[in-house]
Amino acid sequence: MTGPRLLNKVAIVTGSSQGIGREICNQFHEEGALLVCSDLRPIGQGEDIPTHEFITKKGGKAIFVPTDVSKAEDWKALIEKTVAEYGRVDILINNAGICTEANNPQPIDEVDEDAFDAHLRVNTRGVFLGCKYVVRQFKKQELHPCGIRGWIVNFASMVATIGMAGLSGYTASKGAVAALTKTVALDVAKQVTQTAMLDNALGGALSSARDAVLAALPRGRFGETKDHARAAVYLASEDAAWVTGINLNVDGGLTAQ
């Protein structure tokens, strides 16, 4: 029987205060990771305790660093504080994102341009900046025994490959993440494993399409936060050291049809 897959690995998780990001922190703690929880605020909607406090109460090690992922200076500060606390960075989970169109989808000719730009700023620029500055840090560090310097997992979406009417800003921003992931993977192929996860979490948020999406899912249910968090554990572990530049569908078979 093997031990924890992320033992003493230092992991930054953006969008950590609720939802998938919070569950990733929980699963990473269970696998032995040292955590840096990153979000605009330490506590998410509907939660009664900040994620980093939740982890420390379970006996884990976690800190919180407030971060606007669309700002380069925030990324620099996030990585500096991580290194000051733990001495290195091993894993970056680019999970933070927005979908303001979810409950008010609009056809392309009626899309608010500021809202479109906001999706690109957070979902795409945020991932770009995270990759840029964490790779700079990785290059300062020694190789892991498996021969790489670090792991990056970017969260995209099933709409990156299949599209969805009324979600032009979200779709464009997540499609860019899926493509950017491949480019970054090639840029750093000898040093970093870089992957994107395409999830079906959107189905739970888009109220107008919920029933249709559910009916199309071969597994007959929406993905839960733990489904995506478990996949993130694999991608961020040495089990995935030979996996890079892929878009992994974690969608219950939806895009296999």
C-alpha atoms as a PDB file:
ATOM      1  CA  MET A   1       0.000   0.000   0.000  1.00  0.00           C
ATOM      2  CA  THR A   2       1.395   3.374  -0.981  1.00  0.00           C
ATOM      3  CA  GLY A   3       1.406   6.449   1.242  1.00  0.00           C
ATOM      4  CA  PRO A   4      -0.153   9.858   0.598  1.00  0.00           C
ATOM      5  CA  ARG A   5       0.398  10.874  -3.022  1.00  0.00           C
ATOM      6  CA  LEU A   6       1.114  14.533  -2.268  1.00  0.00           C
ATOM      7  CA  LEU A   7       3.106  14.171   0.939  1.00  0.00           C
ATOM      8  CA  ASN A   8       4.807  17.483   1.817  1.00  0.00           C
ATOM      9  CA  LYS A   9       4.119  18.917  -1.639  1.00  0.00           C
ATOM     10  CA  VAL A  10       3.396  22.662  -1.502  1.00  0.00           C
ATOM     11  CA  ALA A  11       0.194  23.430  -3.397  1.00  0.00           C
ATOM     12  CA  ILE A  12      -1.380  26.765  -4.323  1.00  0.00           C
ATOM     13  CA  VAL A  13      -5.118  26.483  -4.989  1.00  0.00           C
ATOM     14  CA  THR A  14      -6.911  29.507  -6.448  1.00  0.00           C
ATOM     15  CA  GLY A  15     -10.633  29.906  -5.943  1.00  0.00           C
ATOM     16  CA  SER A  16     -10.196  27.967  -2.709  1.00  0.00           C
ATOM     17  CA  SER A  17     -12.972  29.463  -0.611  1.00  0.00           C
ATOM     18  CA  GLN A  18     -15.876  27.409  -1.921  1.00  0.00           C
ATOM     19  CA  GLY A  19     -16.995  24.725  -4.329  1.00  0.00           C
ATOM     20  CA  ILE A  20     -14.436  22.695  -6.242  1.00  0.00           C
ATOM     21  CA  GLY A  21     -11.511  24.743  -4.931  1.00  0.00           C
ATOM     22  CA  ARG A  22     -12.444  24.082  -1.319  1.00  0.00           C
ATOM     23  CA  GLU A  23     -12.836  20.362  -1.962  1.00  0.00           C
ATOM     24  CA  ILE A  24      -9.476  20.265  -3.756  1.00  0.00           C
ATOM     25  CA  CYS A  25      -7.891  21.716  -0.630  1.00  0.00           C
ATOM     26  CA  ASN A  26      -9.620  19.053   1.448  1.00  0.00           C
ATOM     27  CA  GLN A  27      -8.513  16.196  -0.816  1.00  0.00           C
ATOM     28  CA  PHE A  28      -4.968  17.568  -1.079  1.00  0.00           C
ATOM     29  CA  HIS A  29      -4.770  17.741   2.708  1.00  0.00           C
ATOM     30  CA  GLU A  30      -5.873  14.108   2.906  1.00  0.00           C
ATOM     31  CA  GLU A  31      -3.016  13.272   0.521  1.00  0.00           C
ATOM     32  CA  GLY A  32      -0.444  15.102   2.667  1.00  0.00           C
ATOM     33  CA  ALA A  33      -0.061  18.428   0.847  1.00  0.00           C
ATOM     34  CA  LEU A  34       0.917  21.743   2.447  1.00  0.00           C
ATOM     35  CA  LEU A  35      -1.630  24.281   1.265  1.00  0.00           C
ATOM     36  CA  VAL A  36      -1.839  27.883   0.199  1.00  0.00           C
ATOM     37  CA  CYS A  37      -5.490  28.857  -0.117  1.00  0.00           C
ATOM     38  CA  SER A  38      -5.999  31.756  -2.508  1.00  0.00           C
ATOM     39  CA  ASP A  39      -9.163  33.717  -3.262  1.00  0.00           C
ATOM     40  CA  LEU A  40     -10.616  37.208  -3.078  1.00  0.00           C
ATOM     41  CA  ARG A  41     -11.961  36.431   0.401  1.00  0.00           C
ATOM     42  CA  PRO A  42     -11.086  33.671   2.871  1.00  0.00           C
ATOM     43  CA  ILE A  43     -14.638  32.406   3.322  1.00  0.00           C
ATOM     44  CA  GLY A  44     -17.031  31.524   0.529  1.00  0.00           C
ATOM     45  CA  GLN A  45     -20.768  31.924   0.222  1.00  0.00           C
ATOM     46  CA  GLY A  46     -22.588  29.327   2.288  1.00  0.00           C
ATOM     47  CA  GLU A  47     -19.493  28.298   4.257  1.00  0.00           C
ATOM     48  CA  ASP A  48     -19.154  28.839   8.013  1.00  0.00           C
ATOM     49  CA  ILE A  49     -15.359  28.655   8.266  1.00  0.00           C
ATOM     50  CA  PRO A  50     -12.516  29.729   5.951  1.00  0.00           C
ATOM     51  CA  THR A  51     -10.933  26.883   4.006  1.00  0.00           C
ATOM     52  CA  HIS A  52      -7.490  27.328   5.530  1.00  0.00           C
ATOM     53  CA  GLU A  53      -8.950  27.204   9.048  1.00  0.00           C
ATOM     54  CA  PHE A  54     -10.963  24.118   8.106  1.00  0.00           C
ATOM     55  CA  ILE A  55      -7.737  22.417   7.032  1.00  0.00           C
ATOM     56  CA  THR A  56      -5.748  23.436  10.107  1.00  0.00           C
ATOM     57  CA  LYS A  57      -8.527  22.222  12.410  1.00  0.00           C
ATOM     58  CA  LYS A  58      -8.170  18.827  10.735  1.00  0.00           C
ATOM     59  CA  GLY A  59      -4.476  18.828  11.611  1.00  0.00           C
ATOM     60  CA  GLY A  60      -3.180  20.066   8.271  1.00  0.00           C
ATOM     61  CA  LYS A  61      -0.983  23.005   7.313  1.00  0.00           C
ATOM     62  CA  ALA A  62      -2.603  25.828   5.358  1.00  0.00           C
ATOM     63  CA  ILE A  63      -2.407  29.591   4.966  1.00  0.00           C
ATOM     64  CA  PHE A  64      -4.620  32.077   3.137  1.00  0.00           C
ATOM     65  CA  VAL A  65      -3.351  34.715   0.712  1.00  0.00           C
ATOM     66  CA  PRO A  66      -5.924  37.150  -0.742  1.00  0.00           C
ATOM     67  CA  THR A  67      -5.510  37.236  -4.514  1.00  0.00           C
ATOM     68  CA  ASP A  68      -7.143  38.823  -7.536  1.00  0.00           C
ATOM     69  CA  VAL A  69      -5.933  36.405 -10.209  1.00  0.00           C
ATOM     70  CA  SER A  70      -6.296  39.023 -12.949  1.00  0.00           C
ATOM     71  CA  LYS A  71      -3.514  41.147 -11.394  1.00  0.00           C
ATOM     72  CA  ALA A  72       0.166  40.357 -11.929  1.00  0.00           C
ATOM     73  CA  GLU A  73       1.206  42.021  -8.673  1.00  0.00           C
ATOM     74  CA  ASP A  74      -1.145  39.767  -6.722  1.00  0.00           C
ATOM     75  CA  TRP A  75       0.395  36.700  -8.341  1.00  0.00           C
ATOM     76  CA  LYS A  76       3.898  37.861  -7.508  1.00  0.00           C
ATOM     77  CA  ALA A  77       2.873  38.422  -3.891  1.00  0.00           C
ATOM     78  CA  LEU A  78       1.111  35.046  -3.720  1.00  0.00           C
ATOM     79  CA  ILE A  79       4.188  33.155  -4.845  1.00  0.00           C
ATOM     80  CA  GLU A  80       6.520  35.209  -2.656  1.00  0.00           C
ATOM     81  CA  LYS A  81       4.387  34.502   0.421  1.00  0.00           C
ATOM     82  CA  THR A  82       4.200  30.817  -0.451  1.00  0.00           C
ATOM     83  CA  VAL A  83       7.984  30.557  -0.722  1.00  0.00           C
ATOM     84  CA  ALA A  84       8.424  32.560   2.484  1.00  0.00           C
ATOM     85  CA  GLU A  85       6.130  30.131   4.320  1.00  0.00           C
ATOM     86  CA  TYR A  86       7.191  26.796   2.843  1.00  0.00           C
ATOM     87  CA  GLY A  87      10.411  27.403   0.913  1.00  0.00           C
ATOM     88  CA  ARG A  88       9.113  26.332  -2.501  1.00  0.00           C
ATOM     89  CA  VAL A  89       6.072  25.747  -4.738  1.00  0.00           C
ATOM     90  CA  ASP A  90       5.365  22.290  -6.145  1.00  0.00           C
ATOM     91  CA  ILE A  91       1.808  22.488  -7.461  1.00  0.00           C
ATOM     92  CA  LEU A  92      -0.433  25.205  -8.884  1.00  0.00           C
ATOM     93  CA  ILE A  93      -4.156  24.580  -9.278  1.00  0.00           C
ATOM     94  CA  ASN A  94      -5.628  27.329 -11.478  1.00  0.00           C
ATOM     95  CA  ASN A  95      -9.233  26.872 -10.386  1.00  0.00           C
ATOM     96  CA  ALA A  96     -10.502  30.447  -9.878  1.00  0.00           C
ATOM     97  CA  GLY A  97     -13.068  31.521 -12.443  1.00  0.00           C
ATOM     98  CA  ILE A  98     -16.361  33.275 -13.077  1.00  0.00           C
ATOM     99  CA  CYS A  99     -19.472  32.608 -15.147  1.00  0.00           C
ATOM    100  CA  THR A 100     -21.694  35.653 -14.803  1.00  0.00           C
ATOM    101  CA  GLU A 101     -23.761  34.470 -17.776  1.00  0.00           C
ATOM    102  CA  ALA A 102     -24.910  31.286 -16.059  1.00  0.00           C
ATOM    103  CA  ASN A 103     -28.287  32.579 -14.930  1.00  0.00           C
ATOM    104  CA  ASN A 104     -28.736  35.115 -17.720  1.00  0.00           C
ATOM    105  CA  PRO A 105     -27.476  33.641 -21.013  1.00  0.00           C
ATOM    106  CA  GLN A 106     -27.553  36.034 -23.960  1.00  0.00           C
ATOM    107  CA  PRO A 107     -27.210  35.561 -27.735  1.00  0.00           C
ATOM    108  CA  ILE A 108     -24.063  37.035 -29.248  1.00  0.00           C
ATOM    109  CA  ASP A 109     -25.761  40.197 -30.522  1.00  0.00           C
ATOM    110  CA  GLU A 110     -26.938  41.079 -27.014  1.00  0.00           C
ATOM    111  CA  VAL A 111     -23.813  40.243 -25.006  1.00  0.00           C
ATOM    112  CA  ASP A 112     -22.596  42.971 -22.673  1.00  0.00           C
ATOM    113  CA  GLU A 113     -19.042  43.810 -23.723  1.00  0.00           C
ATOM    114  CA  ASP A 114     -17.835  44.590 -20.216  1.00  0.00           C
ATOM    115  CA  ALA A 115     -19.122  41.210 -19.020  1.00  0.00           C
ATOM    116  CA  PHE A 116     -17.364  39.495 -21.933  1.00  0.00           C
ATOM    117  CA  ASP A 117     -14.103  41.221 -21.031  1.00  0.00           C
ATOM    118  CA  ALA A 118     -14.501  40.234 -17.373  1.00  0.00           C
ATOM    119  CA  HIS A 119     -14.591  36.547 -18.305  1.00  0.00           C
ATOM    120  CA  LEU A 120     -11.381  36.894 -20.293  1.00  0.00           C
ATOM    121  CA  ARG A 121      -9.731  38.907 -17.530  1.00  0.00           C
ATOM    122  CA  VAL A 122     -10.419  36.400 -14.760  1.00  0.00           C
ATOM    123  CA  ASN A 123     -10.682  33.051 -16.529  1.00  0.00           C
ATOM    124  CA  THR A 124      -8.001  33.468 -19.191  1.00  0.00           C
ATOM    125  CA  ARG A 125      -5.623  36.181 -18.022  1.00  0.00           C
ATOM    126  CA  GLY A 126      -5.729  34.724 -14.509  1.00  0.00           C
ATOM    127  CA  VAL A 127      -4.540  31.332 -15.762  1.00  0.00           C
ATOM    128  CA  PHE A 128      -1.910  32.931 -18.002  1.00  0.00           C
ATOM    129  CA  LEU A 129      -0.454  34.939 -15.117  1.00  0.00           C
ATOM    130  CA  GLY A 130      -0.476  31.956 -12.794  1.00  0.00           C
ATOM    131  CA  CYS A 131       1.422  29.828 -15.291  1.00  0.00           C
ATOM    132  CA  LYS A 132       3.886  32.622 -16.039  1.00  0.00           C
ATOM    133  CA  TYR A 133       4.895  33.376 -12.482  1.00  0.00           C
ATOM    134  CA  VAL A 134       4.826  29.858 -11.066  1.00  0.00           C
ATOM    135  CA  VAL A 135       7.048  28.613 -13.907  1.00  0.00           C
ATOM    136  CA  ARG A 136       9.543  31.341 -13.002  1.00  0.00           C
ATOM    137  CA  GLN A 137       9.562  29.965  -9.462  1.00  0.00           C
ATOM    138  CA  PHE A 138       9.783  26.343 -10.623  1.00  0.00           C
ATOM    139  CA  LYS A 139      12.932  27.169 -12.580  1.00  0.00           C
ATOM    140  CA  LYS A 140      14.640  28.268  -9.359  1.00  0.00           C
ATOM    141  CA  GLN A 141      13.992  24.914  -7.699  1.00  0.00           C
ATOM    142  CA  GLU A 142      15.617  21.503  -7.818  1.00  0.00           C
ATOM    143  CA  LEU A 143      14.072  18.642  -9.747  1.00  0.00           C
ATOM    144  CA  HIS A 144      11.769  16.182  -8.026  1.00  0.00           C
ATOM    145  CA  PRO A 145      12.853  12.519  -8.054  1.00  0.00           C
ATOM    146  CA  CYS A 146      10.495  11.921 -10.993  1.00  0.00           C
ATOM    147  CA  GLY A 147      12.521  14.395 -13.057  1.00  0.00           C
ATOM    148  CA  ILE A 148      10.272  17.463 -13.148  1.00  0.00           C
ATOM    149  CA  ARG A 149      10.134  20.735 -11.230  1.00  0.00           C
ATOM    150  CA  GLY A 150       6.401  21.121 -10.685  1.00  0.00           C
ATOM    151  CA  TRP A 151       2.799  20.506 -11.647  1.00  0.00           C
ATOM    152  CA  ILE A 152       0.160  22.872 -13.035  1.00  0.00           C
ATOM    153  CA  VAL A 153      -3.512  21.942 -13.377  1.00  0.00           C
ATOM    154  CA  ASN A 154      -5.750  24.465 -15.144  1.00  0.00           C
ATOM    155  CA  PHE A 155      -9.521  24.238 -14.876  1.00  0.00           C
ATOM    156  CA  ALA A 156     -11.279  24.740 -18.194  1.00  0.00           C
ATOM    157  CA  SER A 157     -14.781  23.449 -18.987  1.00  0.00           C
ATOM    158  CA  MET A 158     -16.662  21.123 -21.275  1.00  0.00           C
ATOM    159  CA  VAL A 159     -17.809  24.231 -23.155  1.00  0.00           C
ATOM    160  CA  ALA A 160     -14.210  24.684 -24.279  1.00  0.00           C
ATOM    161  CA  THR A 161     -14.826  21.893 -26.780  1.00  0.00           C
ATOM    162  CA  ILE A 162     -18.583  21.675 -27.352  1.00  0.00           C
ATOM    163  CA  GLY A 163     -19.815  25.242 -26.861  1.00  0.00           C
ATOM    164  CA  MET A 164     -23.092  26.306 -25.273  1.00  0.00           C
ATOM    165  CA  ALA A 165     -25.582  28.845 -26.559  1.00  0.00           C
ATOM    166  CA  GLY A 166     -25.751  32.086 -24.609  1.00  0.00           C
ATOM    167  CA  LEU A 167     -22.364  31.738 -22.923  1.00  0.00           C
ATOM    168  CA  SER A 168     -20.031  33.485 -25.354  1.00  0.00           C
ATOM    169  CA  GLY A 169     -17.823  35.089 -22.703  1.00  0.00           C
ATOM    170  CA  TYR A 170     -17.448  31.960 -20.601  1.00  0.00           C
ATOM    171  CA  THR A 171     -16.981  29.693 -23.616  1.00  0.00           C
ATOM    172  CA  ALA A 172     -14.348  31.930 -25.206  1.00  0.00           C
ATOM    173  CA  SER A 173     -12.429  32.279 -21.949  1.00  0.00           C
ATOM    174  CA  LYS A 174     -12.401  28.548 -21.198  1.00  0.00           C
ATOM    175  CA  GLY A 175     -11.573  27.604 -24.777  1.00  0.00           C
ATOM    176  CA  ALA A 176      -8.550  29.862 -24.466  1.00  0.00           C
ATOM    177  CA  VAL A 177      -7.519  28.065 -21.265  1.00  0.00           C
ATOM    178  CA  ALA A 178      -7.653  24.679 -23.006  1.00  0.00           C
ATOM    179  CA  ALA A 179      -5.499  25.962 -25.879  1.00  0.00           C
ATOM    180  CA  LEU A 180      -3.099  27.881 -23.630  1.00  0.00           C
ATOM    181  CA  THR A 181      -2.537  24.750 -21.568  1.00  0.00           C
ATOM    182  CA  LYS A 182      -1.143  22.916 -24.592  1.00  0.00           C
ATOM    183  CA  THR A 183       1.177  25.792 -25.486  1.00  0.00           C
ATOM    184  CA  VAL A 184       2.526  26.163 -21.960  1.00  0.00           C
ATOM    185  CA  ALA A 185       3.024  22.396 -21.752  1.00  0.00           C
ATOM    186  CA  LEU A 186       5.258  22.538 -24.829  1.00  0.00           C
ATOM    187  CA  ASP A 187       7.123  25.577 -23.495  1.00  0.00           C
ATOM    188  CA  VAL A 188       8.076  23.756 -20.292  1.00  0.00           C
ATOM    189  CA  ALA A 189       7.831  20.097 -21.313  1.00  0.00           C
ATOM    190  CA  LYS A 190      11.168  19.123 -19.765  1.00  0.00           C
ATOM    191  CA  GLN A 191      10.384  20.724 -16.412  1.00  0.00           C
ATOM    192  CA  VAL A 192       6.655  20.836 -15.667  1.00  0.00           C
ATOM    193  CA  THR A 193       3.560  18.694 -16.152  1.00  0.00           C
ATOM    194  CA  GLN A 194       0.771  20.907 -17.433  1.00  0.00           C
ATOM    195  CA  THR A 195      -2.803  19.713 -17.903  1.00  0.00           C
ATOM    196  CA  ALA A 196      -6.317  21.064 -18.167  1.00  0.00           C
ATOM    197  CA  MET A 197      -9.466  19.567 -16.702  1.00  0.00           C
ATOM    198  CA  LEU A 198     -12.703  19.918 -18.646  1.00  0.00           C
ATOM    199  CA  ASP A 199     -15.497  19.537 -16.121  1.00  0.00           C
ATOM    200  CA  ASN A 200     -19.275  19.552 -16.226  1.00  0.00           C
ATOM    201  CA  ALA A 201     -19.733  21.643 -13.091  1.00  0.00           C
ATOM    202  CA  LEU A 202     -21.441  24.279 -15.249  1.00  0.00           C
ATOM    203  CA  GLY A 203     -24.489  22.066 -15.507  1.00  0.00           C
ATOM    204  CA  GLY A 204     -25.299  22.684 -11.880  1.00  0.00           C
ATOM    205  CA  ALA A 205     -25.040  26.459 -12.229  1.00  0.00           C
ATOM    206  CA  LEU A 206     -26.875  27.082 -15.506  1.00  0.00           C
ATOM    207  CA  SER A 207     -30.436  26.849 -14.262  1.00  0.00           C
ATOM    208  CA  SER A 208     -32.039  27.319 -17.684  1.00  0.00           C
ATOM    209  CA  ALA A 209     -30.240  24.292 -19.144  1.00  0.00           C
ATOM    210  CA  ARG A 210     -29.966  22.093 -16.066  1.00  0.00           C
ATOM    211  CA  ASP A 211     -32.572  19.497 -17.043  1.00  0.00           C
ATOM    212  CA  ALA A 212     -31.297  19.213 -20.610  1.00  0.00           C
ATOM    213  CA  VAL A 213     -27.696  18.773 -19.495  1.00  0.00           C
ATOM    214  CA  LEU A 214     -28.687  16.199 -16.878  1.00  0.00           C
ATOM    215  CA  ALA A 215     -30.654  14.207 -19.449  1.00  0.00           C
ATOM    216  CA  ALA A 216     -27.592  14.109 -21.700  1.00  0.00           C
ATOM    217  CA  LEU A 217     -25.230  12.778 -19.025  1.00  0.00           C
ATOM    218  CA  PRO A 218     -24.588   9.031 -19.492  1.00  0.00           C
ATOM    219  CA  ARG A 219     -23.924   8.626 -15.769  1.00  0.00           C
ATOM    220  CA  GLY A 220     -27.278  10.216 -14.967  1.00  0.00           C
ATOM    221  CA  ARG A 221     -25.991  12.813 -12.504  1.00  0.00           C
ATOM    222  CA  PHE A 222     -23.946  15.978 -12.345  1.00  0.00           C
ATOM    223  CA  GLY A 223     -20.355  15.815 -11.233  1.00  0.00           C
ATOM    224  CA  GLU A 224     -19.751  16.554  -7.568  1.00  0.00           C
ATOM    225  CA  THR A 225     -16.890  18.614  -6.196  1.00  0.00           C
ATOM    226  CA  LYS A 226     -15.182  15.450  -4.972  1.00  0.00           C
ATOM    227  CA  ASP A 227     -15.170  14.003  -8.506  1.00  0.00           C
ATOM    228  CA  HIS A 228     -13.145  16.925  -9.800  1.00  0.00           C
ATOM    229  CA  ALA A 229     -10.937  17.117  -6.711  1.00  0.00           C
ATOM    230  CA  ARG A 230      -9.942  13.458  -7.017  1.00  0.00           C
ATOM    231  CA  ALA A 231      -8.952  13.989 -10.640  1.00  0.00           C
ATOM    232  CA  ALA A 232      -6.877  16.990  -9.577  1.00  0.00           C
ATOM    233  CA  VAL A 233      -5.051  14.832  -7.022  1.00  0.00           C
ATOM    234  CA  TYR A 234      -4.025  12.414  -9.767  1.00  0.00           C
ATOM    235  CA  LEU A 235      -2.902  15.140 -12.167  1.00  0.00           C
ATOM    236  CA  ALA A 236      -0.865  16.864  -9.444  1.00  0.00           C
ATOM    237  CA  SER A 237       0.861  13.667  -8.304  1.00  0.00           C
ATOM    238  CA  GLU A 238       3.907  11.777  -9.514  1.00  0.00           C
ATOM    239  CA  ASP A 239       1.484   9.222 -10.963  1.00  0.00           C
ATOM    240  CA  ALA A 240       0.933  11.796 -13.719  1.00  0.00           C
ATOM    241  CA  ALA A 241       4.600  12.675 -14.245  1.00  0.00           C
ATOM    242  CA  TRP A 242       4.394  11.431 -17.863  1.00  0.00           C
ATOM    243  CA  VAL A 243       1.120  13.273 -18.533  1.00  0.00           C
ATOM    244  CA  THR A 244       1.303  16.782 -19.965  1.00  0.00           C
ATOM    245  CA  GLY A 245      -0.489  18.993 -22.464  1.00  0.00           C
ATOM    246  CA  ILE A 246      -3.774  17.107 -22.256  1.00  0.00           C
ATOM    247  CA  ASN A 247      -7.352  18.205 -21.709  1.00  0.00           C
ATOM    248  CA  LEU A 248      -8.888  15.658 -19.344  1.00  0.00           C
ATOM    249  CA  ASN A 249     -12.666  15.410 -19.552  1.00  0.00           C
ATOM    250  CA  VAL A 250     -14.145  14.906 -16.088  1.00  0.00           C
ATOM    251  CA  ASP A 251     -17.748  14.987 -17.231  1.00  0.00           C
ATOM    252  CA  GLY A 252     -19.388  11.616 -16.667  1.00  0.00           C
ATOM    253  CA  GLY A 253     -19.060  10.732 -20.338  1.00  0.00           C
ATOM    254  CA  LEU A 254     -20.944  13.747 -21.703  1.00  0.00           C
ATOM    255  CA  THR A 255     -18.397  14.657 -24.370  1.00  0.00           C
ATOM    256  CA  ALA A 256     -17.820  11.007 -25.335  1.00  0.00           C
ATOM    257  CA  GLN A 257     -21.118  11.049 -27.237  1.00  0.00           C
END
